[in-house]
């Protein structure tokens, strides 16, 4: 696969800046989507590329995911200087703050309200994060999956201040507001990065694309409507983008 001309030019401009941040989503971007979320594995070579980039002068690297931080750590095995940002920006390996008492109380109430969905819709899986719950329906037929996700959305409407984020066969119900885009911009500011490269494939990644700035480079992975500036077909295309950035920054 060859990078299209516009993306190649954008990466060249990005790499020419003094300091950059490379951000990559996990599921559907570094790792192919699978029915069992804990069976997801990064494509061969992807974490090695990120580690190489992170060791370069004036290059910061982050894996940004909806996964809880501890799960993201387990699945990637990534170590500093690679930064892990979990729970759609609510958690960071740089600053592992605990949720406050109010958020903890509201999450417990939400957990009780969601519990009947698991009984009424067999096969739905519930993932618990520090400030959110996620209903997973991957692997189910479309009709029962749709009913389960609709039931989750109805529960959220009845609960105080729940933020609903749909995704590919998932529905996240959060008691605090975060975002991948703001998390990337905060990290860029901390690192002094002049521009950000971000690659992702889902709804929350689209929100990040919309949040990033004109000097940043946004890349949608796979099909679907997008506000990103560029697109690659799949995880192998992500590898090609990362390889090109490494080549440009090392003069290879």
C-alpha atoms as a PDB file:
ATOM      1  CA  UNK A   1       0.000   0.000   0.000  1.00  0.00           C
ATOM      2  CA  UNK A   2       1.280   3.459  -0.904  1.00  0.00           C
ATOM      3  CA  UNK A   3       0.366   6.626   0.972  1.00  0.00           C
ATOM      4  CA  UNK A   4      -1.671   8.995  -1.155  1.00  0.00           C
ATOM      5  CA  UNK A   5       0.051  12.165  -2.227  1.00  0.00           C
ATOM      6  CA  UNK A   6      -1.829  14.565   0.052  1.00  0.00           C
ATOM      7  CA  UNK A   7      -1.120  12.454   3.151  1.00  0.00           C
ATOM      8  CA  UNK A   8       2.535  12.079   2.187  1.00  0.00           C
ATOM      9  CA  UNK A   9       2.844  15.885   1.876  1.00  0.00           C
ATOM     10  CA  UNK A  10       1.064  16.398   5.207  1.00  0.00           C
ATOM     11  CA  UNK A  11       3.412  13.990   6.974  1.00  0.00           C
ATOM     12  CA  UNK A  12       6.418  15.731   5.453  1.00  0.00           C
ATOM     13  CA  UNK A  13       5.187  19.090   6.755  1.00  0.00           C
ATOM     14  CA  UNK A  14       4.458  17.585  10.169  1.00  0.00           C
ATOM     15  CA  UNK A  15       7.873  15.947  10.430  1.00  0.00           C
ATOM     16  CA  UNK A  16       9.606  19.210   9.566  1.00  0.00           C
ATOM     17  CA  UNK A  17       8.328  20.891  12.733  1.00  0.00           C
ATOM     18  CA  UNK A  18      10.644  21.218  15.702  1.00  0.00           C
ATOM     19  CA  UNK A  19       8.546  19.088  18.066  1.00  0.00           C
ATOM     20  CA  UNK A  20       5.607  16.766  17.361  1.00  0.00           C
ATOM     21  CA  UNK A  21       3.168  14.477  19.136  1.00  0.00           C
ATOM     22  CA  UNK A  22       2.108  11.198  17.526  1.00  0.00           C
ATOM     23  CA  UNK A  23      -1.202   9.877  18.887  1.00  0.00           C
ATOM     24  CA  UNK A  24      -2.769   6.559  17.911  1.00  0.00           C
ATOM     25  CA  UNK A  25      -6.066   4.948  18.891  1.00  0.00           C
ATOM     26  CA  UNK A  26      -5.912   1.275  19.936  1.00  0.00           C
ATOM     27  CA  UNK A  27      -8.924  -0.807  18.804  1.00  0.00           C
ATOM     28  CA  UNK A  28      -9.405  -0.682  15.043  1.00  0.00           C
ATOM     29  CA  UNK A  29      -6.224   1.324  14.594  1.00  0.00           C
ATOM     30  CA  UNK A  30      -3.285  -0.452  16.244  1.00  0.00           C
ATOM     31  CA  UNK A  31      -5.246  -3.657  16.843  1.00  0.00           C
ATOM     32  CA  UNK A  32      -7.895  -5.272  14.609  1.00  0.00           C
ATOM     33  CA  UNK A  33     -11.407  -5.379  16.062  1.00  0.00           C
ATOM     34  CA  UNK A  34     -12.300  -8.748  17.619  1.00  0.00           C
ATOM     35  CA  UNK A  35     -15.384 -10.151  19.351  1.00  0.00           C
ATOM     36  CA  UNK A  36     -13.603 -10.638  22.678  1.00  0.00           C
ATOM     37  CA  UNK A  37     -12.186  -7.230  23.725  1.00  0.00           C
ATOM     38  CA  UNK A  38      -9.439  -8.837  25.829  1.00  0.00           C
ATOM     39  CA  UNK A  39      -8.263 -10.845  22.825  1.00  0.00           C
ATOM     40  CA  UNK A  40      -7.283  -7.686  20.905  1.00  0.00           C
ATOM     41  CA  UNK A  41      -3.598  -7.529  20.033  1.00  0.00           C
ATOM     42  CA  UNK A  42      -1.584  -4.810  18.277  1.00  0.00           C
ATOM     43  CA  UNK A  43      -0.492  -5.698  14.757  1.00  0.00           C
ATOM     44  CA  UNK A  44       3.053  -6.991  14.553  1.00  0.00           C
ATOM     45  CA  UNK A  45       5.615  -4.214  14.635  1.00  0.00           C
ATOM     46  CA  UNK A  46       3.269  -1.406  15.673  1.00  0.00           C
ATOM     47  CA  UNK A  47       4.450  -1.093  19.278  1.00  0.00           C
ATOM     48  CA  UNK A  48       8.079  -1.341  18.179  1.00  0.00           C
ATOM     49  CA  UNK A  49       7.506   1.575  15.808  1.00  0.00           C
ATOM     50  CA  UNK A  50       5.888   3.658  18.539  1.00  0.00           C
ATOM     51  CA  UNK A  51       8.766   2.906  20.907  1.00  0.00           C
ATOM     52  CA  UNK A  52      11.303   3.949  18.262  1.00  0.00           C
ATOM     53  CA  UNK A  53       9.449   7.181  17.609  1.00  0.00           C
ATOM     54  CA  UNK A  54       9.182   7.950  21.327  1.00  0.00           C
ATOM     55  CA  UNK A  55      12.959   7.674  21.707  1.00  0.00           C
ATOM     56  CA  UNK A  56      13.612  10.322  19.065  1.00  0.00           C
ATOM     57  CA  UNK A  57      14.412  13.888  20.150  1.00  0.00           C
ATOM     58  CA  UNK A  58      11.348  16.165  20.211  1.00  0.00           C
ATOM     59  CA  UNK A  59       8.902  13.361  19.387  1.00  0.00           C
ATOM     60  CA  UNK A  60       6.220  12.407  21.921  1.00  0.00           C
ATOM     61  CA  UNK A  61       3.994   9.364  21.479  1.00  0.00           C
ATOM     62  CA  UNK A  62       0.633   8.447  22.998  1.00  0.00           C
ATOM     63  CA  UNK A  63      -1.745   5.520  22.655  1.00  0.00           C
ATOM     64  CA  UNK A  64      -5.209   7.010  23.162  1.00  0.00           C
ATOM     65  CA  UNK A  65      -8.141   4.696  23.838  1.00  0.00           C
ATOM     66  CA  UNK A  66     -11.557   4.264  25.329  1.00  0.00           C
ATOM     67  CA  UNK A  67     -10.127   1.339  27.275  1.00  0.00           C
ATOM     68  CA  UNK A  68      -9.495   1.695  30.989  1.00  0.00           C
ATOM     69  CA  UNK A  69      -5.878   2.621  31.661  1.00  0.00           C
ATOM     70  CA  UNK A  70      -4.974  -0.650  33.379  1.00  0.00           C
ATOM     71  CA  UNK A  71      -6.489  -2.663  30.512  1.00  0.00           C
ATOM     72  CA  UNK A  72      -4.686  -0.551  27.931  1.00  0.00           C
ATOM     73  CA  UNK A  73      -1.434  -1.123  29.812  1.00  0.00           C
ATOM     74  CA  UNK A  74      -2.024  -4.888  29.796  1.00  0.00           C
ATOM     75  CA  UNK A  75      -2.935  -5.088  26.113  1.00  0.00           C
ATOM     76  CA  UNK A  76      -0.167  -2.865  24.776  1.00  0.00           C
ATOM     77  CA  UNK A  77       2.700  -3.564  27.163  1.00  0.00           C
ATOM     78  CA  UNK A  78       3.869  -0.064  26.222  1.00  0.00           C
ATOM     79  CA  UNK A  79       6.339   1.575  28.581  1.00  0.00           C
ATOM     80  CA  UNK A  80       7.574   5.160  29.050  1.00  0.00           C
ATOM     81  CA  UNK A  81       8.307   7.340  27.257  1.00  0.00           C
ATOM     82  CA  UNK A  82       5.148   6.161  25.404  1.00  0.00           C
ATOM     83  CA  UNK A  83       2.173   7.752  27.200  1.00  0.00           C
ATOM     84  CA  UNK A  84      -1.057   5.790  27.657  1.00  0.00           C
ATOM     85  CA  UNK A  85      -4.319   7.763  27.708  1.00  0.00           C
ATOM     86  CA  UNK A  86      -7.347   5.685  28.707  1.00  0.00           C
ATOM     87  CA  UNK A  87     -11.096   6.089  29.202  1.00  0.00           C
ATOM     88  CA  UNK A  88     -11.392   8.568  26.312  1.00  0.00           C
ATOM     89  CA  UNK A  89      -8.987  11.002  27.958  1.00  0.00           C
ATOM     90  CA  UNK A  90     -10.128  10.625  31.575  1.00  0.00           C
ATOM     91  CA  UNK A  91      -7.037   8.627  32.583  1.00  0.00           C
ATOM     92  CA  UNK A  92      -3.342   9.070  31.810  1.00  0.00           C
ATOM     93  CA  UNK A  93      -0.231   7.142  32.728  1.00  0.00           C
ATOM     94  CA  UNK A  94       1.309  10.562  33.394  1.00  0.00           C
ATOM     95  CA  UNK A  95      -1.244  11.495  36.075  1.00  0.00           C
ATOM     96  CA  UNK A  96      -3.216   8.646  37.628  1.00  0.00           C
ATOM     97  CA  UNK A  97      -5.781  10.626  39.608  1.00  0.00           C
ATOM     98  CA  UNK A  98      -8.636   8.823  41.304  1.00  0.00           C
ATOM     99  CA  UNK A  99     -12.263   9.890  40.713  1.00  0.00           C
ATOM    100  CA  UNK A 100     -13.782  12.052  43.448  1.00  0.00           C
ATOM    101  CA  UNK A 101     -16.455  10.843  45.884  1.00  0.00           C
ATOM    102  CA  UNK A 102     -19.329  12.338  43.881  1.00  0.00           C
ATOM    103  CA  UNK A 103     -18.253  10.571  40.689  1.00  0.00           C
ATOM    104  CA  UNK A 104     -17.812   7.307  42.593  1.00  0.00           C
ATOM    105  CA  UNK A 105     -21.327   7.585  44.047  1.00  0.00           C
ATOM    106  CA  UNK A 106     -22.935   8.319  40.698  1.00  0.00           C
ATOM    107  CA  UNK A 107     -21.054   5.456  39.050  1.00  0.00           C
ATOM    108  CA  UNK A 108     -22.332   3.010  41.691  1.00  0.00           C
ATOM    109  CA  UNK A 109     -25.901   4.192  41.089  1.00  0.00           C
ATOM    110  CA  UNK A 110     -25.445   3.811  37.354  1.00  0.00           C
ATOM    111  CA  UNK A 111     -24.050   0.306  37.829  1.00  0.00           C
ATOM    112  CA  UNK A 112     -27.207  -0.720  39.713  1.00  0.00           C
ATOM    113  CA  UNK A 113     -29.451   0.785  37.035  1.00  0.00           C
ATOM    114  CA  UNK A 114     -27.605  -0.991  34.209  1.00  0.00           C
ATOM    115  CA  UNK A 115     -27.534  -4.430  35.887  1.00  0.00           C
ATOM    116  CA  UNK A 116     -30.979  -5.567  34.600  1.00  0.00           C
ATOM    117  CA  UNK A 117     -29.822  -5.093  30.996  1.00  0.00           C
ATOM    118  CA  UNK A 118     -27.322  -7.913  31.418  1.00  0.00           C
ATOM    119  CA  UNK A 119     -30.089 -10.250  32.586  1.00  0.00           C
ATOM    120  CA  UNK A 120     -32.599  -9.195  29.949  1.00  0.00           C
ATOM    121  CA  UNK A 121     -30.094  -9.281  27.072  1.00  0.00           C
ATOM    122  CA  UNK A 122     -27.890 -12.397  27.319  1.00  0.00           C
ATOM    123  CA  UNK A 123     -24.528 -12.042  25.659  1.00  0.00           C
ATOM    124  CA  UNK A 124     -24.094  -8.351  26.477  1.00  0.00           C
ATOM    125  CA  UNK A 125     -20.849  -7.710  28.330  1.00  0.00           C
ATOM    126  CA  UNK A 126     -20.288  -4.914  30.836  1.00  0.00           C
ATOM    127  CA  UNK A 127     -16.888  -3.274  31.178  1.00  0.00           C
ATOM    128  CA  UNK A 128     -16.294  -1.210  34.307  1.00  0.00           C
ATOM    129  CA  UNK A 129     -13.913   1.751  34.245  1.00  0.00           C
ATOM    130  CA  UNK A 130     -13.060   4.272  36.971  1.00  0.00           C
ATOM    131  CA  UNK A 131     -15.628   6.816  35.733  1.00  0.00           C
ATOM    132  CA  UNK A 132     -17.789   4.927  33.232  1.00  0.00           C
ATOM    133  CA  UNK A 133     -19.531   1.699  32.256  1.00  0.00           C
ATOM    134  CA  UNK A 134     -19.399   0.226  28.760  1.00  0.00           C
ATOM    135  CA  UNK A 135     -21.925  -2.123  27.198  1.00  0.00           C
ATOM    136  CA  UNK A 136     -20.302  -4.412  24.601  1.00  0.00           C
ATOM    137  CA  UNK A 137     -22.421  -6.207  21.998  1.00  0.00           C
ATOM    138  CA  UNK A 138     -19.794  -7.304  19.461  1.00  0.00           C
ATOM    139  CA  UNK A 139     -20.572 -10.821  18.267  1.00  0.00           C
ATOM    140  CA  UNK A 140     -24.337 -10.544  18.840  1.00  0.00           C
ATOM    141  CA  UNK A 141     -26.932 -10.456  16.071  1.00  0.00           C
ATOM    142  CA  UNK A 142     -27.891  -6.926  15.054  1.00  0.00           C
ATOM    143  CA  UNK A 143     -31.448  -6.971  16.474  1.00  0.00           C
ATOM    144  CA  UNK A 144     -30.646  -8.080  20.039  1.00  0.00           C
ATOM    145  CA  UNK A 145     -27.550  -5.893  20.033  1.00  0.00           C
ATOM    146  CA  UNK A 146     -29.608  -2.875  18.995  1.00  0.00           C
ATOM    147  CA  UNK A 147     -32.215  -3.516  21.678  1.00  0.00           C
ATOM    148  CA  UNK A 148     -29.539  -3.825  24.357  1.00  0.00           C
ATOM    149  CA  UNK A 149     -27.841  -0.594  23.341  1.00  0.00           C
ATOM    150  CA  UNK A 150     -31.192   1.203  23.206  1.00  0.00           C
ATOM    151  CA  UNK A 151     -31.924  -0.037  26.727  1.00  0.00           C
ATOM    152  CA  UNK A 152     -28.577   1.352  27.864  1.00  0.00           C
ATOM    153  CA  UNK A 153     -29.375   4.741  26.347  1.00  0.00           C
ATOM    154  CA  UNK A 154     -32.745   4.764  28.133  1.00  0.00           C
ATOM    155  CA  UNK A 155     -31.054   4.053  31.464  1.00  0.00           C
ATOM    156  CA  UNK A 156     -28.664   6.925  30.870  1.00  0.00           C
ATOM    157  CA  UNK A 157     -31.546   9.338  30.310  1.00  0.00           C
ATOM    158  CA  UNK A 158     -32.926   8.495  33.753  1.00  0.00           C
ATOM    159  CA  UNK A 159     -29.613   8.961  35.568  1.00  0.00           C
ATOM    160  CA  UNK A 160     -28.077  12.233  36.718  1.00  0.00           C
ATOM    161  CA  UNK A 161     -25.525  13.756  34.367  1.00  0.00           C
ATOM    162  CA  UNK A 162     -24.579  10.640  32.400  1.00  0.00           C
ATOM    163  CA  UNK A 163     -22.642  11.269  29.188  1.00  0.00           C
ATOM    164  CA  UNK A 164     -23.491   8.779  26.434  1.00  0.00           C
ATOM    165  CA  UNK A 165     -20.912   7.877  23.798  1.00  0.00           C
ATOM    166  CA  UNK A 166     -21.861   5.332  21.119  1.00  0.00           C
ATOM    167  CA  UNK A 167     -19.232   3.394  19.218  1.00  0.00           C
ATOM    168  CA  UNK A 168     -18.765   0.270  17.126  1.00  0.00           C
ATOM    169  CA  UNK A 169     -20.913  -2.314  18.960  1.00  0.00           C
ATOM    170  CA  UNK A 170     -20.438  -0.437  22.248  1.00  0.00           C
ATOM    171  CA  UNK A 171     -22.202   2.170  24.338  1.00  0.00           C
ATOM    172  CA  UNK A 172     -20.235   4.045  26.977  1.00  0.00           C
ATOM    173  CA  UNK A 173     -22.021   5.691  29.906  1.00  0.00           C
ATOM    174  CA  UNK A 174     -19.732   8.096  31.748  1.00  0.00           C
ATOM    175  CA  UNK A 175     -20.240  10.128  34.926  1.00  0.00           C
ATOM    176  CA  UNK A 176     -17.465  12.603  34.073  1.00  0.00           C
ATOM    177  CA  UNK A 177     -16.763  14.368  30.808  1.00  0.00           C
ATOM    178  CA  UNK A 178     -13.479  13.818  29.016  1.00  0.00           C
ATOM    179  CA  UNK A 179     -12.333  13.601  25.419  1.00  0.00           C
ATOM    180  CA  UNK A 180      -9.479  12.295  23.339  1.00  0.00           C
ATOM    181  CA  UNK A 181      -9.025  15.637  21.564  1.00  0.00           C
ATOM    182  CA  UNK A 182      -8.639  17.737  24.726  1.00  0.00           C
ATOM    183  CA  UNK A 183      -6.339  15.062  26.196  1.00  0.00           C
ATOM    184  CA  UNK A 184      -4.114  15.205  23.123  1.00  0.00           C
ATOM    185  CA  UNK A 185      -3.978  18.983  23.193  1.00  0.00           C
ATOM    186  CA  UNK A 186      -3.076  18.975  26.905  1.00  0.00           C
ATOM    187  CA  UNK A 187      -0.271  16.514  26.281  1.00  0.00           C
ATOM    188  CA  UNK A 188       0.955  18.527  23.292  1.00  0.00           C
ATOM    189  CA  UNK A 189       1.110  21.619  25.484  1.00  0.00           C
ATOM    190  CA  UNK A 190       2.965  19.754  28.240  1.00  0.00           C
ATOM    191  CA  UNK A 191       5.472  18.397  25.735  1.00  0.00           C
ATOM    192  CA  UNK A 192       5.853  21.617  23.777  1.00  0.00           C
ATOM    193  CA  UNK A 193       4.737  19.862  20.601  1.00  0.00           C
ATOM    194  CA  UNK A 194       4.010  22.232  17.739  1.00  0.00           C
ATOM    195  CA  UNK A 195       1.736  19.801  15.899  1.00  0.00           C
ATOM    196  CA  UNK A 196      -0.134  16.541  16.472  1.00  0.00           C
ATOM    197  CA  UNK A 197      -0.618  13.502  14.263  1.00  0.00           C
ATOM    198  CA  UNK A 198      -3.664  11.485  15.306  1.00  0.00           C
ATOM    199  CA  UNK A 199      -5.012   8.260  13.791  1.00  0.00           C
ATOM    200  CA  UNK A 200      -8.328   6.653  14.794  1.00  0.00           C
ATOM    201  CA  UNK A 201     -11.364   4.813  13.512  1.00  0.00           C
ATOM    202  CA  UNK A 202     -14.419   5.442  15.712  1.00  0.00           C
ATOM    203  CA  UNK A 203     -16.924   8.028  16.938  1.00  0.00           C
ATOM    204  CA  UNK A 204     -14.729   9.354  19.731  1.00  0.00           C
ATOM    205  CA  UNK A 205     -11.851   9.659  17.270  1.00  0.00           C
ATOM    206  CA  UNK A 206     -14.063  11.773  15.014  1.00  0.00           C
ATOM    207  CA  UNK A 207     -14.634  14.095  17.961  1.00  0.00           C
ATOM    208  CA  UNK A 208     -10.882  14.277  18.450  1.00  0.00           C
ATOM    209  CA  UNK A 209     -10.363  15.081  14.765  1.00  0.00           C
ATOM    210  CA  UNK A 210     -12.841  17.941  15.093  1.00  0.00           C
ATOM    211  CA  UNK A 211     -11.075  19.270  18.199  1.00  0.00           C
ATOM    212  CA  UNK A 212      -7.557  19.304  16.779  1.00  0.00           C
ATOM    213  CA  UNK A 213      -6.113  22.344  15.040  1.00  0.00           C
ATOM    214  CA  UNK A 214      -5.274  23.379  11.498  1.00  0.00           C
ATOM    215  CA  UNK A 215      -1.575  22.524  11.934  1.00  0.00           C
ATOM    216  CA  UNK A 216      -2.411  19.014  13.125  1.00  0.00           C
ATOM    217  CA  UNK A 217      -2.733  15.965  10.849  1.00  0.00           C
ATOM    218  CA  UNK A 218      -5.803  13.746  11.296  1.00  0.00           C
ATOM    219  CA  UNK A 219      -6.149  10.303   9.713  1.00  0.00           C
ATOM    220  CA  UNK A 220      -9.293   8.156   9.628  1.00  0.00           C
ATOM    221  CA  UNK A 221      -8.635   4.410   9.620  1.00  0.00           C
ATOM    222  CA  UNK A 222     -11.122   2.432   7.530  1.00  0.00           C
ATOM    223  CA  UNK A 223     -14.447   3.376   5.915  1.00  0.00           C
ATOM    224  CA  UNK A 224     -17.140   5.768   7.110  1.00  0.00           C
ATOM    225  CA  UNK A 225     -17.910   9.464   7.051  1.00  0.00           C
ATOM    226  CA  UNK A 226     -15.128  11.521   8.555  1.00  0.00           C
ATOM    227  CA  UNK A 227     -13.978  15.026   9.361  1.00  0.00           C
ATOM    228  CA  UNK A 228     -10.363  13.844   9.241  1.00  0.00           C
ATOM    229  CA  UNK A 229      -8.083  15.343   6.630  1.00  0.00           C
ATOM    230  CA  UNK A 230      -6.831  11.966   5.392  1.00  0.00           C
ATOM    231  CA  UNK A 231      -7.669   8.265   5.368  1.00  0.00           C
ATOM    232  CA  UNK A 232      -5.900   4.898   5.333  1.00  0.00           C
ATOM    233  CA  UNK A 233      -7.644   1.586   4.709  1.00  0.00           C
ATOM    234  CA  UNK A 234      -6.653  -0.470   7.731  1.00  0.00           C
ATOM    235  CA  UNK A 235      -4.083  -1.211  10.452  1.00  0.00           C
ATOM    236  CA  UNK A 236      -1.418  -1.902   7.838  1.00  0.00           C
ATOM    237  CA  UNK A 237      -1.965   1.626   6.567  1.00  0.00           C
ATOM    238  CA  UNK A 238      -1.359   2.862  10.115  1.00  0.00           C
ATOM    239  CA  UNK A 239       1.980   1.021  10.120  1.00  0.00           C
ATOM    240  CA  UNK A 240       2.876   2.715   6.873  1.00  0.00           C
ATOM    241  CA  UNK A 241       2.102   6.159   8.306  1.00  0.00           C
ATOM    242  CA  UNK A 242       4.179   5.509  11.429  1.00  0.00           C
ATOM    243  CA  UNK A 243       7.046   4.122   9.359  1.00  0.00           C
ATOM    244  CA  UNK A 244       7.017   7.217   7.158  1.00  0.00           C
ATOM    245  CA  UNK A 245       7.111   9.582  10.142  1.00  0.00           C
ATOM    246  CA  UNK A 246      10.034   7.619  11.590  1.00  0.00           C
ATOM    247  CA  UNK A 247      11.857   7.773   8.256  1.00  0.00           C
ATOM    248  CA  UNK A 248      11.300  11.503   7.911  1.00  0.00           C
ATOM    249  CA  UNK A 249      12.430  12.291  11.473  1.00  0.00           C
ATOM    250  CA  UNK A 250      15.573  10.156  11.176  1.00  0.00           C
ATOM    251  CA  UNK A 251      16.489  11.179   7.638  1.00  0.00           C
ATOM    252  CA  UNK A 252      16.213   7.581   6.456  1.00  0.00           C
END
